[in-house]
């Protein structure tokens, strides 16, 4: 579910970015109504990116809680996870791919929309 939600938000962001670029490229002058429409689209893009971060936080906290419970109560999981973690390079043990996906991509999307809002 975590990955599916991320994919949904990523598709929504992509569609808004296409709409933004289409509206902006169709407007002939900077004072054209395309400027207002592009700002509205960028505002929605930023709002969806913030919703993505909040949703990711809530879902990630649940997934991490499940991981802790499984380590404590499911010996097969513990016997698989711990040796795998030990084989990873030290820097990789400090990076959790779920955290990167939960916060990294939505933060980048937010930065994109803020930059686009500041340009127009």
PDB file of N, CA and C in Angstrom:
ATOM      1  N   UNK A   1       0.819  -1.197   0.000  1.00  0.00           N
ATOM      2  CA  UNK A   1       0.000   0.000   0.000  1.00  0.00           C
ATOM      3  C   UNK A   1       0.863   1.261   0.000  1.00  0.00           C
ATOM      4  N   UNK A   2       1.986   1.200   0.707  1.00  0.00           N
ATOM      5  CA  UNK A   2       2.870   2.365   0.780  1.00  0.00           C
ATOM      6  C   UNK A   2       3.343   2.766  -0.615  1.00  0.00           C
ATOM      7  N   UNK A   3       3.787   1.787  -1.387  1.00  0.00           N
ATOM      8  CA  UNK A   3       4.283   2.058  -2.739  1.00  0.00           C
ATOM      9  C   UNK A   3       3.145   2.495  -3.668  1.00  0.00           C
ATOM     10  N   UNK A   4       1.969   1.897  -3.514  1.00  0.00           N
ATOM     11  CA  UNK A   4       0.837   2.272  -4.358  1.00  0.00           C
ATOM     12  C   UNK A   4       0.410   3.716  -4.101  1.00  0.00           C
ATOM     13  N   UNK A   5       0.415   4.113  -2.846  1.00  0.00           N
ATOM     14  CA  UNK A   5       0.060   5.500  -2.538  1.00  0.00           C
ATOM     15  C   UNK A   5       1.089   6.458  -3.117  1.00  0.00           C
ATOM     16  N   UNK A   6       2.350   6.109  -2.977  1.00  0.00           N
ATOM     17  CA  UNK A   6       3.401   6.942  -3.557  1.00  0.00           C
ATOM     18  C   UNK A   6       3.250   7.063  -5.060  1.00  0.00           C
ATOM     19  N   UNK A   7       2.904   5.963  -5.710  1.00  0.00           N
ATOM     20  CA  UNK A   7       2.706   5.989  -7.164  1.00  0.00           C
ATOM     21  C   UNK A   7       1.521   6.867  -7.543  1.00  0.00           C
ATOM     22  N   UNK A   8       0.455   6.798  -6.764  1.00  0.00           N
ATOM     23  CA  UNK A   8      -0.711   7.647  -7.027  1.00  0.00           C
ATOM     24  C   UNK A   8      -0.330   9.124  -6.961  1.00  0.00           C
ATOM     25  N   UNK A   9       0.375   9.506  -5.915  1.00  0.00           N
ATOM     26  CA  UNK A   9       0.770  10.900  -5.769  1.00  0.00           C
ATOM     27  C   UNK A   9       1.742  11.317  -6.867  1.00  0.00           C
ATOM     28  N   UNK A  10       2.633  10.427  -7.249  1.00  0.00           N
ATOM     29  CA  UNK A  10       3.594  10.742  -8.310  1.00  0.00           C
ATOM     30  C   UNK A  10       2.889  10.949  -9.652  1.00  0.00           C
ATOM     31  N   UNK A  11       1.892  10.138  -9.945  1.00  0.00           N
ATOM     32  CA  UNK A  11       1.113  10.320 -11.175  1.00  0.00           C
ATOM     33  C   UNK A  11       0.359  11.647 -11.121  1.00  0.00           C
ATOM     34  N   UNK A  12      -0.243  11.953  -9.987  1.00  0.00           N
ATOM     35  CA  UNK A  12      -0.965  13.222  -9.850  1.00  0.00           C
ATOM     36  C   UNK A  12      -0.015  14.402 -10.058  1.00  0.00           C
ATOM     37  N   UNK A  13       1.174  14.324  -9.471  1.00  0.00           N
ATOM     38  CA  UNK A  13       2.158  15.392  -9.639  1.00  0.00           C
ATOM     39  C   UNK A  13       2.573  15.529 -11.102  1.00  0.00           C
ATOM     40  N   UNK A  14       2.780  14.404 -11.760  1.00  0.00           N
ATOM     41  CA  UNK A  14       3.191  14.422 -13.170  1.00  0.00           C
ATOM     42  C   UNK A  14       2.121  15.062 -14.039  1.00  0.00           C
ATOM     43  N   UNK A  15       0.860  14.700 -13.802  1.00  0.00           N
ATOM     44  CA  UNK A  15      -0.229  15.278 -14.592  1.00  0.00           C
ATOM     45  C   UNK A  15      -0.358  16.784 -14.356  1.00  0.00           C
ATOM     46  N   UNK A  16      -0.187  17.200 -13.122  1.00  0.00           N
ATOM     47  CA  UNK A  16      -0.237  18.635 -12.838  1.00  0.00           C
ATOM     48  C   UNK A  16       0.925  19.368 -13.501  1.00  0.00           C
ATOM     49  N   UNK A  17       2.091  18.751 -13.524  1.00  0.00           N
ATOM     50  CA  UNK A  17       3.245  19.377 -14.167  1.00  0.00           C
ATOM     51  C   UNK A  17       3.029  19.505 -15.675  1.00  0.00           C
ATOM     52  N   UNK A  18       2.432  18.494 -16.280  1.00  0.00           N
ATOM     53  CA  UNK A  18       2.101  18.570 -17.713  1.00  0.00           C
ATOM     54  C   UNK A  18       1.080  19.679 -17.949  1.00  0.00           C
ATOM     55  N   UNK A  19       0.066  19.754 -17.104  1.00  0.00           N
ATOM     56  CA  UNK A  19      -0.943  20.810 -17.246  1.00  0.00           C
ATOM     57  C   UNK A  19      -0.302  22.185 -17.072  1.00  0.00           C
ATOM     58  N   UNK A  20       0.579  22.313 -16.097  1.00  0.00           N
ATOM     59  CA  UNK A  20       1.262  23.581 -15.844  1.00  0.00           C
ATOM     60  C   UNK A  20       2.056  24.021 -17.074  1.00  0.00           C
ATOM     61  N   UNK A  21       2.851  23.118 -17.602  1.00  0.00           N
ATOM     62  CA  UNK A  21       3.686  23.481 -18.749  1.00  0.00           C
ATOM     63  C   UNK A  21       2.843  23.753 -19.991  1.00  0.00           C
ATOM     64  N   UNK A  22       1.758  23.024 -20.159  1.00  0.00           N
ATOM     65  CA  UNK A  22       0.878  23.254 -21.314  1.00  0.00           C
ATOM     66  C   UNK A  22       0.211  24.618 -21.226  1.00  0.00           C
ATOM     67  N   UNK A  23      -0.324  24.949 -20.069  1.00  0.00           N
ATOM     68  CA  UNK A  23      -1.003  26.242 -19.896  1.00  0.00           C
ATOM     69  C   UNK A  23      -0.014  27.382 -20.082  1.00  0.00           C
ATOM     70  N   UNK A  24       1.170  27.241 -19.520  1.00  0.00           N
ATOM     71  CA  UNK A  24       2.152  28.314 -19.608  1.00  0.00           C
ATOM     72  C   UNK A  24       2.666  28.482 -21.040  1.00  0.00           C
ATOM     73  N   UNK A  25       2.842  27.373 -21.750  1.00  0.00           N
ATOM     74  CA  UNK A  25       3.341  27.488 -23.126  1.00  0.00           C
ATOM     75  C   UNK A  25       2.283  28.027 -24.084  1.00  0.00           C
ATOM     76  N   UNK A  26       1.020  27.849 -23.775  1.00  0.00           N
ATOM     77  CA  UNK A  26      -0.072  28.330 -24.643  1.00  0.00           C
ATOM     78  C   UNK A  26      -0.355  29.817 -24.458  1.00  0.00           C
ATOM     79  N   UNK A  27       0.045  30.367 -23.323  1.00  0.00           N
ATOM     80  CA  UNK A  27      -0.236  31.781 -23.087  1.00  0.00           C
ATOM     81  C   UNK A  27       0.790  32.621 -23.849  1.00  0.00           C
ATOM     82  N   UNK A  28       0.300  33.549 -24.641  1.00  0.00           N
ATOM     83  CA  UNK A  28       1.173  34.350 -25.492  1.00  0.00           C
ATOM     84  C   UNK A  28       1.958  35.395 -24.731  1.00  0.00           C
ATOM     85  N   UNK A  29       1.332  36.079 -23.803  1.00  0.00           N
ATOM     86  CA  UNK A  29       2.020  37.139 -23.072  1.00  0.00           C
ATOM     87  C   UNK A  29       1.993  36.832 -21.583  1.00  0.00           C
ATOM     88  N   UNK A  30       2.932  37.407 -20.838  1.00  0.00           N
ATOM     89  CA  UNK A  30       2.961  37.160 -19.383  1.00  0.00           C
ATOM     90  C   UNK A  30       1.712  37.641 -18.654  1.00  0.00           C
ATOM     91  N   UNK A  31       0.994  38.589 -19.243  1.00  0.00           N
ATOM     92  CA  UNK A  31      -0.204  39.103 -18.598  1.00  0.00           C
ATOM     93  C   UNK A  31      -1.441  38.320 -18.991  1.00  0.00           C
ATOM     94  N   UNK A  32      -1.263  37.291 -19.761  1.00  0.00           N
ATOM     95  CA  UNK A  32      -2.373  36.459 -20.237  1.00  0.00           C
ATOM     96  C   UNK A  32      -2.951  35.653 -19.081  1.00  0.00           C
ATOM     97  N   UNK A  33      -4.172  35.157 -19.250  1.00  0.00           N
ATOM     98  CA  UNK A  33      -4.833  34.387 -18.194  1.00  0.00           C
ATOM     99  C   UNK A  33      -4.104  33.074 -17.888  1.00  0.00           C
ATOM    100  N   UNK A  34      -3.207  32.651 -18.777  1.00  0.00           N
ATOM    101  CA  UNK A  34      -2.425  31.441 -18.516  1.00  0.00           C
ATOM    102  C   UNK A  34      -1.558  31.582 -17.285  1.00  0.00           C
ATOM    103  N   UNK A  35      -1.158  32.802 -16.981  1.00  0.00           N
ATOM    104  CA  UNK A  35      -0.346  33.046 -15.791  1.00  0.00           C
ATOM    105  C   UNK A  35      -1.121  32.715 -14.523  1.00  0.00           C
ATOM    106  N   UNK A  36      -2.361  33.138 -14.477  1.00  0.00           N
ATOM    107  CA  UNK A  36      -3.211  32.852 -13.312  1.00  0.00           C
ATOM    108  C   UNK A  36      -3.462  31.354 -13.211  1.00  0.00           C
ATOM    109  N   UNK A  37      -3.771  30.742 -14.333  1.00  0.00           N
ATOM    110  CA  UNK A  37      -4.042  29.300 -14.339  1.00  0.00           C
ATOM    111  C   UNK A  37      -2.803  28.510 -13.919  1.00  0.00           C
ATOM    112  N   UNK A  38      -1.634  28.924 -14.380  1.00  0.00           N
ATOM    113  CA  UNK A  38      -0.416  28.198 -14.002  1.00  0.00           C
ATOM    114  C   UNK A  38      -0.139  28.348 -12.511  1.00  0.00           C
ATOM    115  N   UNK A  39      -0.427  29.496 -11.945  1.00  0.00           N
ATOM    116  CA  UNK A  39      -0.251  29.676 -10.491  1.00  0.00           C
ATOM    117  C   UNK A  39      -1.223  28.794  -9.709  1.00  0.00           C
ATOM    118  N   UNK A  40      -2.439  28.698 -10.190  1.00  0.00           N
ATOM    119  CA  UNK A  40      -3.424  27.843  -9.519  1.00  0.00           C
ATOM    120  C   UNK A  40      -2.979  26.379  -9.580  1.00  0.00           C
ATOM    121  N   UNK A  41      -2.526  25.948 -10.742  1.00  0.00           N
ATOM    122  CA  UNK A  41      -2.050  24.562 -10.889  1.00  0.00           C
ATOM    123  C   UNK A  41      -0.855  24.319  -9.979  1.00  0.00           C
ATOM    124  N   UNK A  42       0.079  25.260  -9.931  1.00  0.00           N
ATOM    125  CA  UNK A  42       1.243  25.104  -9.060  1.00  0.00           C
ATOM    126  C   UNK A  42       0.832  25.060  -7.584  1.00  0.00           C
ATOM    127  N   UNK A  43      -0.168  25.855  -7.225  1.00  0.00           N
ATOM    128  CA  UNK A  43      -0.672  25.823  -5.844  1.00  0.00           C
ATOM    129  C   UNK A  43      -1.261  24.464  -5.497  1.00  0.00           C
ATOM    130  N   UNK A  44      -2.025  23.906  -6.430  1.00  0.00           N
ATOM    131  CA  UNK A  44      -2.565  22.560  -6.213  1.00  0.00           C
ATOM    132  C   UNK A  44      -1.441  21.528  -6.140  1.00  0.00           C
ATOM    133  N   UNK A  45      -0.436  21.682  -6.983  1.00  0.00           N
ATOM    134  CA  UNK A  45       0.704  20.763  -6.945  1.00  0.00           C
ATOM    135  C   UNK A  45       1.406  20.798  -5.604  1.00  0.00           C
ATOM    136  N   UNK A  46       1.595  21.993  -5.060  1.00  0.00           N
ATOM    137  CA  UNK A  46       2.229  22.131  -3.751  1.00  0.00           C
ATOM    138  C   UNK A  46       1.347  21.532  -2.658  1.00  0.00           C
ATOM    139  N   UNK A  47       0.052  21.767  -2.738  1.00  0.00           N
ATOM    140  CA  UNK A  47      -0.867  21.204  -1.739  1.00  0.00           C
ATOM    141  C   UNK A  47      -0.859  19.679  -1.781  1.00  0.00           C
ATOM    142  N   UNK A  48      -0.840  19.111  -2.976  1.00  0.00           N
ATOM    143  CA  UNK A  48      -0.803  17.654  -3.090  1.00  0.00           C
ATOM    144  C   UNK A  48       0.526  17.107  -2.579  1.00  0.00           C
ATOM    145  N   UNK A  49       1.621  17.818  -2.811  1.00  0.00           N
ATOM    146  CA  UNK A  49       2.917  17.380  -2.295  1.00  0.00           C
ATOM    147  C   UNK A  49       2.928  17.367  -0.767  1.00  0.00           C
ATOM    148  N   UNK A  50       2.296  18.367  -0.158  1.00  0.00           N
ATOM    149  CA  UNK A  50       2.210  18.403   1.312  1.00  0.00           C
ATOM    150  C   UNK A  50       1.327  17.254   1.811  1.00  0.00           C
ATOM    151  N   UNK A  51       0.221  17.002   1.117  1.00  0.00           N
ATOM    152  CA  UNK A  51      -0.629  15.862   1.489  1.00  0.00           C
ATOM    153  C   UNK A  51       0.151  14.550   1.360  1.00  0.00           C
ATOM    154  N   UNK A  52       0.994  14.460   0.347  1.00  0.00           N
ATOM    155  CA  UNK A  52       1.823  13.277   0.133  1.00  0.00           C
ATOM    156  C   UNK A  52       2.770  13.069   1.311  1.00  0.00           C
ATOM    157  N   UNK A  53       3.382  14.160   1.783  1.00  0.00           N
ATOM    158  CA  UNK A  53       4.297  14.043   2.927  1.00  0.00           C
ATOM    159  C   UNK A  53       3.556  13.601   4.193  1.00  0.00           C
ATOM    160  N   UNK A  54       2.397  14.169   4.448  1.00  0.00           N
ATOM    161  CA  UNK A  54       1.629  13.805   5.644  1.00  0.00           C
ATOM    162  C   UNK A  54       1.181  12.343   5.565  1.00  0.00           C
ATOM    163  N   UNK A  55       0.670  11.948   4.416  1.00  0.00           N
ATOM    164  CA  UNK A  55       0.249  10.558   4.217  1.00  0.00           C
ATOM    165  C   UNK A  55       1.426   9.611   4.385  1.00  0.00           C
ATOM    166  N   UNK A  56       2.566   9.985   3.822  1.00  0.00           N
ATOM    167  CA  UNK A  56       3.766   9.149   3.940  1.00  0.00           C
ATOM    168  C   UNK A  56       4.208   9.031   5.392  1.00  0.00           C
ATOM    169  N   UNK A  57       4.152  10.134   6.125  1.00  0.00           N
ATOM    170  CA  UNK A  57       4.533  10.083   7.540  1.00  0.00           C
ATOM    171  C   UNK A  57       3.653   9.102   8.306  1.00  0.00           C
ATOM    172  N   UNK A  58       2.346   9.220   8.111  1.00  0.00           N
ATOM    173  CA  UNK A  58       1.425   8.354   8.842  1.00  0.00           C
ATOM    174  C   UNK A  58       1.630   6.883   8.475  1.00  0.00           C
ATOM    175  N   UNK A  59       1.760   6.613   7.201  1.00  0.00           N
ATOM    176  CA  UNK A  59       1.919   5.222   6.770  1.00  0.00           C
ATOM    177  C   UNK A  59       3.299   4.685   7.163  1.00  0.00           C
ATOM    178  N   UNK A  60       4.338   5.504   7.030  1.00  0.00           N
ATOM    179  CA  UNK A  60       5.682   5.052   7.383  1.00  0.00           C
ATOM    180  C   UNK A  60       5.796   4.755   8.871  1.00  0.00           C
ATOM    181  N   UNK A  61       5.176   5.563   9.710  1.00  0.00           N
ATOM    182  CA  UNK A  61       5.238   5.298  11.148  1.00  0.00           C
ATOM    183  C   UNK A  61       4.597   3.951  11.470  1.00  0.00           C
ATOM    184  N   UNK A  62       3.535   3.610  10.754  1.00  0.00           N
ATOM    185  CA  UNK A  62       2.891   2.315  10.956  1.00  0.00           C
ATOM    186  C   UNK A  62       3.795   1.176  10.471  1.00  0.00           C
ATOM    187  N   UNK A  63       4.394   1.331   9.306  1.00  0.00           N
ATOM    188  CA  UNK A  63       5.280   0.298   8.762  1.00  0.00           C
ATOM    189  C   UNK A  63       6.485   0.071   9.678  1.00  0.00           C
ATOM    190  N   UNK A  64       7.063   1.140  10.188  1.00  0.00           N
ATOM    191  CA  UNK A  64       8.204   0.991  11.104  1.00  0.00           C
ATOM    192  C   UNK A  64       7.789   0.324  12.411  1.00  0.00           C
ATOM    193  N   UNK A  65       6.591   0.632  12.874  1.00  0.00           N
ATOM    194  CA  UNK A  65       6.076  -0.037  14.069  1.00  0.00           C
ATOM    195  C   UNK A  65       5.920  -1.540  13.810  1.00  0.00           C
ATOM    196  N   UNK A  66       5.372  -1.891  12.643  1.00  0.00           N
ATOM    197  CA  UNK A  66       5.249  -3.313  12.286  1.00  0.00           C
ATOM    198  C   UNK A  66       6.609  -3.989  12.200  1.00  0.00           C
ATOM    199  N   UNK A  67       7.595  -3.289  11.629  1.00  0.00           N
ATOM    200  CA  UNK A  67       8.938  -3.861  11.523  1.00  0.00           C
ATOM    201  C   UNK A  67       9.502  -4.180  12.913  1.00  0.00           C
ATOM    202  N   UNK A  68       9.343  -3.262  13.839  1.00  0.00           N
ATOM    203  CA  UNK A  68       9.825  -3.500  15.213  1.00  0.00           C
ATOM    204  C   UNK A  68       9.129  -4.693  15.854  1.00  0.00           C
ATOM    205  N   UNK A  69       7.819  -4.767  15.680  1.00  0.00           N
ATOM    206  CA  UNK A  69       7.063  -5.890  16.249  1.00  0.00           C
ATOM    207  C   UNK A  69       7.490  -7.215  15.628  1.00  0.00           C
ATOM    208  N   UNK A  70       7.721  -7.205  14.316  1.00  0.00           N
ATOM    209  CA  UNK A  70       8.136  -8.438  13.648  1.00  0.00           C
ATOM    210  C   UNK A  70       9.529  -8.865  14.104  1.00  0.00           C
ATOM    211  N   UNK A  71      10.419  -7.919  14.291  1.00  0.00           N
ATOM    212  CA  UNK A  71      11.749  -8.259  14.797  1.00  0.00           C
ATOM    213  C   UNK A  71      11.664  -8.886  16.183  1.00  0.00           C
ATOM    214  N   UNK A  72      10.744  -8.389  16.993  1.00  0.00           N
ATOM    215  CA  UNK A  72      10.611  -8.886  18.355  1.00  0.00           C
ATOM    216  C   UNK A  72       9.857 -10.210  18.434  1.00  0.00           C
ATOM    217  N   UNK A  73       8.909 -10.440  17.519  1.00  0.00           N
ATOM    218  CA  UNK A  73       7.998 -11.572  17.695  1.00  0.00           C
ATOM    219  C   UNK A  73       8.023 -12.633  16.597  1.00  0.00           C
ATOM    220  N   UNK A  74       8.685 -12.371  15.494  1.00  0.00           N
ATOM    221  CA  UNK A  74       8.703 -13.342  14.390  1.00  0.00           C
ATOM    222  C   UNK A  74      10.151 -13.769  14.156  1.00  0.00           C
ATOM    223  N   UNK A  75      10.523 -14.927  14.682  1.00  0.00           N
ATOM    224  CA  UNK A  75      11.921 -15.355  14.579  1.00  0.00           C
ATOM    225  C   UNK A  75      12.428 -15.476  13.138  1.00  0.00           C
ATOM    226  N   UNK A  76      11.584 -15.931  12.216  1.00  0.00           N
ATOM    227  CA  UNK A  76      12.019 -16.072  10.820  1.00  0.00           C
ATOM    228  C   UNK A  76      12.373 -14.713  10.220  1.00  0.00           C
ATOM    229  N   UNK A  77      11.596 -13.717  10.545  1.00  0.00           N
ATOM    230  CA  UNK A  77      11.878 -12.375  10.046  1.00  0.00           C
ATOM    231  C   UNK A  77      13.190 -11.860  10.640  1.00  0.00           C
ATOM    232  N   UNK A  78      13.339 -12.002  11.939  1.00  0.00           N
ATOM    233  CA  UNK A  78      14.553 -11.559  12.623  1.00  0.00           C
ATOM    234  C   UNK A  78      15.780 -12.285  12.066  1.00  0.00           C
ATOM    235  N   UNK A  79      15.648 -13.612  11.839  1.00  0.00           N
ATOM    236  CA  UNK A  79      16.769 -14.403  11.332  1.00  0.00           C
ATOM    237  C   UNK A  79      17.129 -14.036   9.895  1.00  0.00           C
ATOM    238  N   UNK A  80      16.213 -13.452   9.185  1.00  0.00           N
ATOM    239  CA  UNK A  80      16.477 -13.009   7.820  1.00  0.00           C
ATOM    240  C   UNK A  80      16.982 -11.568   7.798  1.00  0.00           C
ATOM    241  N   UNK A  81      16.345 -10.710   8.541  1.00  0.00           N
ATOM    242  CA  UNK A  81      16.649  -9.274   8.487  1.00  0.00           C
ATOM    243  C   UNK A  81      17.997  -8.918   9.098  1.00  0.00           C
ATOM    244  N   UNK A  82      18.280  -9.417  10.284  1.00  0.00           N
ATOM    245  CA  UNK A  82      19.499  -9.001  10.977  1.00  0.00           C
ATOM    246  C   UNK A  82      20.779  -9.396  10.238  1.00  0.00           C
ATOM    247  N   UNK A  83      20.919 -10.635   9.748  1.00  0.00           N
ATOM    248  CA  UNK A  83      22.137 -10.947   8.980  1.00  0.00           C
ATOM    249  C   UNK A  83      22.255 -10.127   7.693  1.00  0.00           C
ATOM    250  N   UNK A  84      21.131  -9.840   7.064  1.00  0.00           N
ATOM    251  CA  UNK A  84      21.165  -9.014   5.859  1.00  0.00           C
ATOM    252  C   UNK A  84      21.658  -7.610   6.183  1.00  0.00           C
ATOM    253  N   UNK A  85      21.173  -7.037   7.298  1.00  0.00           N
ATOM    254  CA  UNK A  85      21.612  -5.697   7.693  1.00  0.00           C
ATOM    255  C   UNK A  85      23.109  -5.668   7.962  1.00  0.00           C
ATOM    256  N   UNK A  86      23.628  -6.724   8.592  1.00  0.00           N
ATOM    257  CA  UNK A  86      25.059  -6.766   8.911  1.00  0.00           C
ATOM    258  C   UNK A  86      25.931  -6.821   7.660  1.00  0.00           C
ATOM    259  N   UNK A  87      25.401  -7.378   6.563  1.00  0.00           N
ATOM    260  CA  UNK A  87      26.167  -7.475   5.316  1.00  0.00           C
ATOM    261  C   UNK A  87      26.225  -6.154   4.560  1.00  0.00           C
ATOM    262  N   UNK A  88      25.343  -5.229   4.906  1.00  0.00           N
ATOM    263  CA  UNK A  88      25.295  -3.957   4.196  1.00  0.00           C
ATOM    264  C   UNK A  88      26.456  -3.062   4.626  1.00  0.00           C
ATOM    265  N   UNK A  89      26.957  -2.217   3.720  1.00  0.00           N
ATOM    266  CA  UNK A  89      27.993  -1.252   4.116  1.00  0.00           C
ATOM    267  C   UNK A  89      27.475  -0.346   5.232  1.00  0.00           C
ATOM    268  N   UNK A  90      28.383   0.181   6.008  1.00  0.00           N
ATOM    269  CA  UNK A  90      27.996   1.000   7.165  1.00  0.00           C
ATOM    270  C   UNK A  90      27.102   2.168   6.757  1.00  0.00           C
ATOM    271  N   UNK A  91      27.428   2.842   5.651  1.00  0.00           N
ATOM    272  CA  UNK A  91      26.622   3.987   5.232  1.00  0.00           C
ATOM    273  C   UNK A  91      25.214   3.549   4.842  1.00  0.00           C
ATOM    274  N   UNK A  92      25.094   2.351   4.250  1.00  0.00           N
ATOM    275  CA  UNK A  92      23.783   1.869   3.809  1.00  0.00           C
ATOM    276  C   UNK A  92      22.902   1.485   4.987  1.00  0.00           C
ATOM    277  N   UNK A  93      23.495   1.111   6.099  1.00  0.00           N
ATOM    278  CA  UNK A  93      22.695   0.766   7.290  1.00  0.00           C
ATOM    279  C   UNK A  93      22.012   1.994   7.874  1.00  0.00           C
ATOM    280  N   UNK A  94      22.575   3.168   7.592  1.00  0.00           N
ATOM    281  CA  UNK A  94      22.008   4.401   8.140  1.00  0.00           C
ATOM    282  C   UNK A  94      20.921   4.990   7.243  1.00  0.00           C
ATOM    283  N   UNK A  95      20.844   4.488   6.014  1.00  0.00           N
ATOM    284  CA  UNK A  95      19.867   4.998   5.063  1.00  0.00           C
ATOM    285  C   UNK A  95      18.736   3.985   4.938  1.00  0.00           C
ATOM    286  N   UNK A  96      17.529   4.442   5.156  1.00  0.00           N
ATOM    287  CA  UNK A  96      16.368   3.579   5.010  1.00  0.00           C
ATOM    288  C   UNK A  96      15.624   4.007   3.748  1.00  0.00           C
ATOM    289  N   UNK A  97      15.487   3.087   2.798  1.00  0.00           N
ATOM    290  CA  UNK A  97      14.857   3.420   1.523  1.00  0.00           C
ATOM    291  C   UNK A  97      13.420   3.895   1.713  1.00  0.00           C
ATOM    292  N   UNK A  98      12.744   3.385   2.715  1.00  0.00           N
ATOM    293  CA  UNK A  98      11.369   3.831   2.972  1.00  0.00           C
ATOM    294  C   UNK A  98      11.333   5.300   3.377  1.00  0.00           C
ATOM    295  N   UNK A  99      12.318   5.726   4.152  1.00  0.00           N
ATOM    296  CA  UNK A  99      12.384   7.128   4.562  1.00  0.00           C
ATOM    297  C   UNK A  99      12.660   8.016   3.345  1.00  0.00           C
ATOM    298  N   UNK A 100      13.562   7.556   2.479  1.00  0.00           N
ATOM    299  CA  UNK A 100      13.844   8.321   1.261  1.00  0.00           C
ATOM    300  C   UNK A 100      12.599   8.453   0.388  1.00  0.00           C
ATOM    301  N   UNK A 101      11.884   7.349   0.230  1.00  0.00           N
ATOM    302  CA  UNK A 101      10.672   7.390  -0.592  1.00  0.00           C
ATOM    303  C   UNK A 101       9.560   8.201   0.074  1.00  0.00           C
ATOM    304  N   UNK A 102       9.472   8.111   1.392  1.00  0.00           N
ATOM    305  CA  UNK A 102       8.403   8.803   2.107  1.00  0.00           C
ATOM    306  C   UNK A 102       8.600  10.311   2.132  1.00  0.00           C
ATOM    307  N   UNK A 103       9.838  10.752   2.256  1.00  0.00           N
ATOM    308  CA  UNK A 103      10.087  12.178   2.422  1.00  0.00           C
ATOM    309  C   UNK A 103      10.885  12.800   1.283  1.00  0.00           C
ATOM    310  N   UNK A 104      11.824  12.074   0.723  1.00  0.00           N
ATOM    311  CA  UNK A 104      12.692  12.641  -0.303  1.00  0.00           C
ATOM    312  C   UNK A 104      11.953  13.097  -1.540  1.00  0.00           C
ATOM    313  N   UNK A 105      11.143  12.220  -2.109  1.00  0.00           N
ATOM    314  CA  UNK A 105      10.437  12.552  -3.351  1.00  0.00           C
ATOM    315  C   UNK A 105       9.377  13.637  -3.115  1.00  0.00           C
ATOM    316  N   UNK A 106       8.569  13.546  -2.069  1.00  0.00           N
ATOM    317  CA  UNK A 106       7.604  14.637  -1.847  1.00  0.00           C
ATOM    318  C   UNK A 106       8.266  15.985  -1.563  1.00  0.00           C
ATOM    319  N   UNK A 107       9.397  15.971  -0.866  1.00  0.00           N
ATOM    320  CA  UNK A 107      10.108  17.233  -0.613  1.00  0.00           C
ATOM    321  C   UNK A 107      10.617  17.820  -1.927  1.00  0.00           C
ATOM    322  N   UNK A 108      11.159  16.962  -2.790  1.00  0.00           N
ATOM    323  CA  UNK A 108      11.611  17.450  -4.096  1.00  0.00           C
ATOM    324  C   UNK A 108      10.446  18.009  -4.915  1.00  0.00           C
ATOM    325  N   UNK A 109       9.305  17.347  -4.867  1.00  0.00           N
ATOM    326  CA  UNK A 109       8.124  17.856  -5.574  1.00  0.00           C
ATOM    327  C   UNK A 109       7.710  19.212  -5.002  1.00  0.00           C
ATOM    328  N   UNK A 110       7.764  19.356  -3.683  1.00  0.00           N
ATOM    329  CA  UNK A 110       7.413  20.635  -3.055  1.00  0.00           C
ATOM    330  C   UNK A 110       8.369  21.737  -3.493  1.00  0.00           C
ATOM    331  N   UNK A 111       9.646  21.427  -3.528  1.00  0.00           N
ATOM    332  CA  UNK A 111      10.642  22.417  -3.966  1.00  0.00           C
ATOM    333  C   UNK A 111      10.372  22.827  -5.408  1.00  0.00           C
ATOM    334  N   UNK A 112      10.046  21.854  -6.246  1.00  0.00           N
ATOM    335  CA  UNK A 112       9.725  22.149  -7.643  1.00  0.00           C
ATOM    336  C   UNK A 112       8.571  23.136  -7.742  1.00  0.00           C
ATOM    337  N   UNK A 113       7.483  22.873  -7.008  1.00  0.00           N
ATOM    338  CA  UNK A 113       6.311  23.746  -7.090  1.00  0.00           C
ATOM    339  C   UNK A 113       6.597  25.130  -6.518  1.00  0.00           C
ATOM    340  N   UNK A 114       7.367  25.192  -5.450  1.00  0.00           N
ATOM    341  CA  UNK A 114       7.731  26.518  -4.891  1.00  0.00           C
ATOM    342  C   UNK A 114       8.560  27.297  -5.901  1.00  0.00           C
ATOM    343  N   UNK A 115       9.504  26.620  -6.554  1.00  0.00           N
ATOM    344  CA  UNK A 115      10.318  27.300  -7.557  1.00  0.00           C
ATOM    345  C   UNK A 115       9.467  27.761  -8.735  1.00  0.00           C
ATOM    346  N   UNK A 116       8.538  26.922  -9.190  1.00  0.00           N
ATOM    347  CA  UNK A 116       7.670  27.307 -10.296  1.00  0.00           C
ATOM    348  C   UNK A 116       6.749  28.466  -9.906  1.00  0.00           C
ATOM    349  N   UNK A 117       6.279  28.456  -8.671  1.00  0.00           N
ATOM    350  CA  UNK A 117       5.451  29.581  -8.207  1.00  0.00           C
ATOM    351  C   UNK A 117       6.254  30.875  -8.154  1.00  0.00           C
ATOM    352  N   UNK A 118       7.520  30.778  -7.788  1.00  0.00           N
ATOM    353  CA  UNK A 118       8.341  31.985  -7.683  1.00  0.00           C
ATOM    354  C   UNK A 118       8.761  32.521  -9.059  1.00  0.00           C
ATOM    355  N   UNK A 119       8.780  31.654 -10.056  1.00  0.00           N
ATOM    356  CA  UNK A 119       9.165  32.086 -11.401  1.00  0.00           C
ATOM    357  C   UNK A 119       8.034  32.801 -12.123  1.00  0.00           C
ATOM    358  N   UNK A 120       6.818  32.409 -11.845  1.00  0.00           N
ATOM    359  CA  UNK A 120       5.680  32.944 -12.607  1.00  0.00           C
ATOM    360  C   UNK A 120       5.048  34.087 -11.870  1.00  0.00           C
TER     361      UNK A 120
END
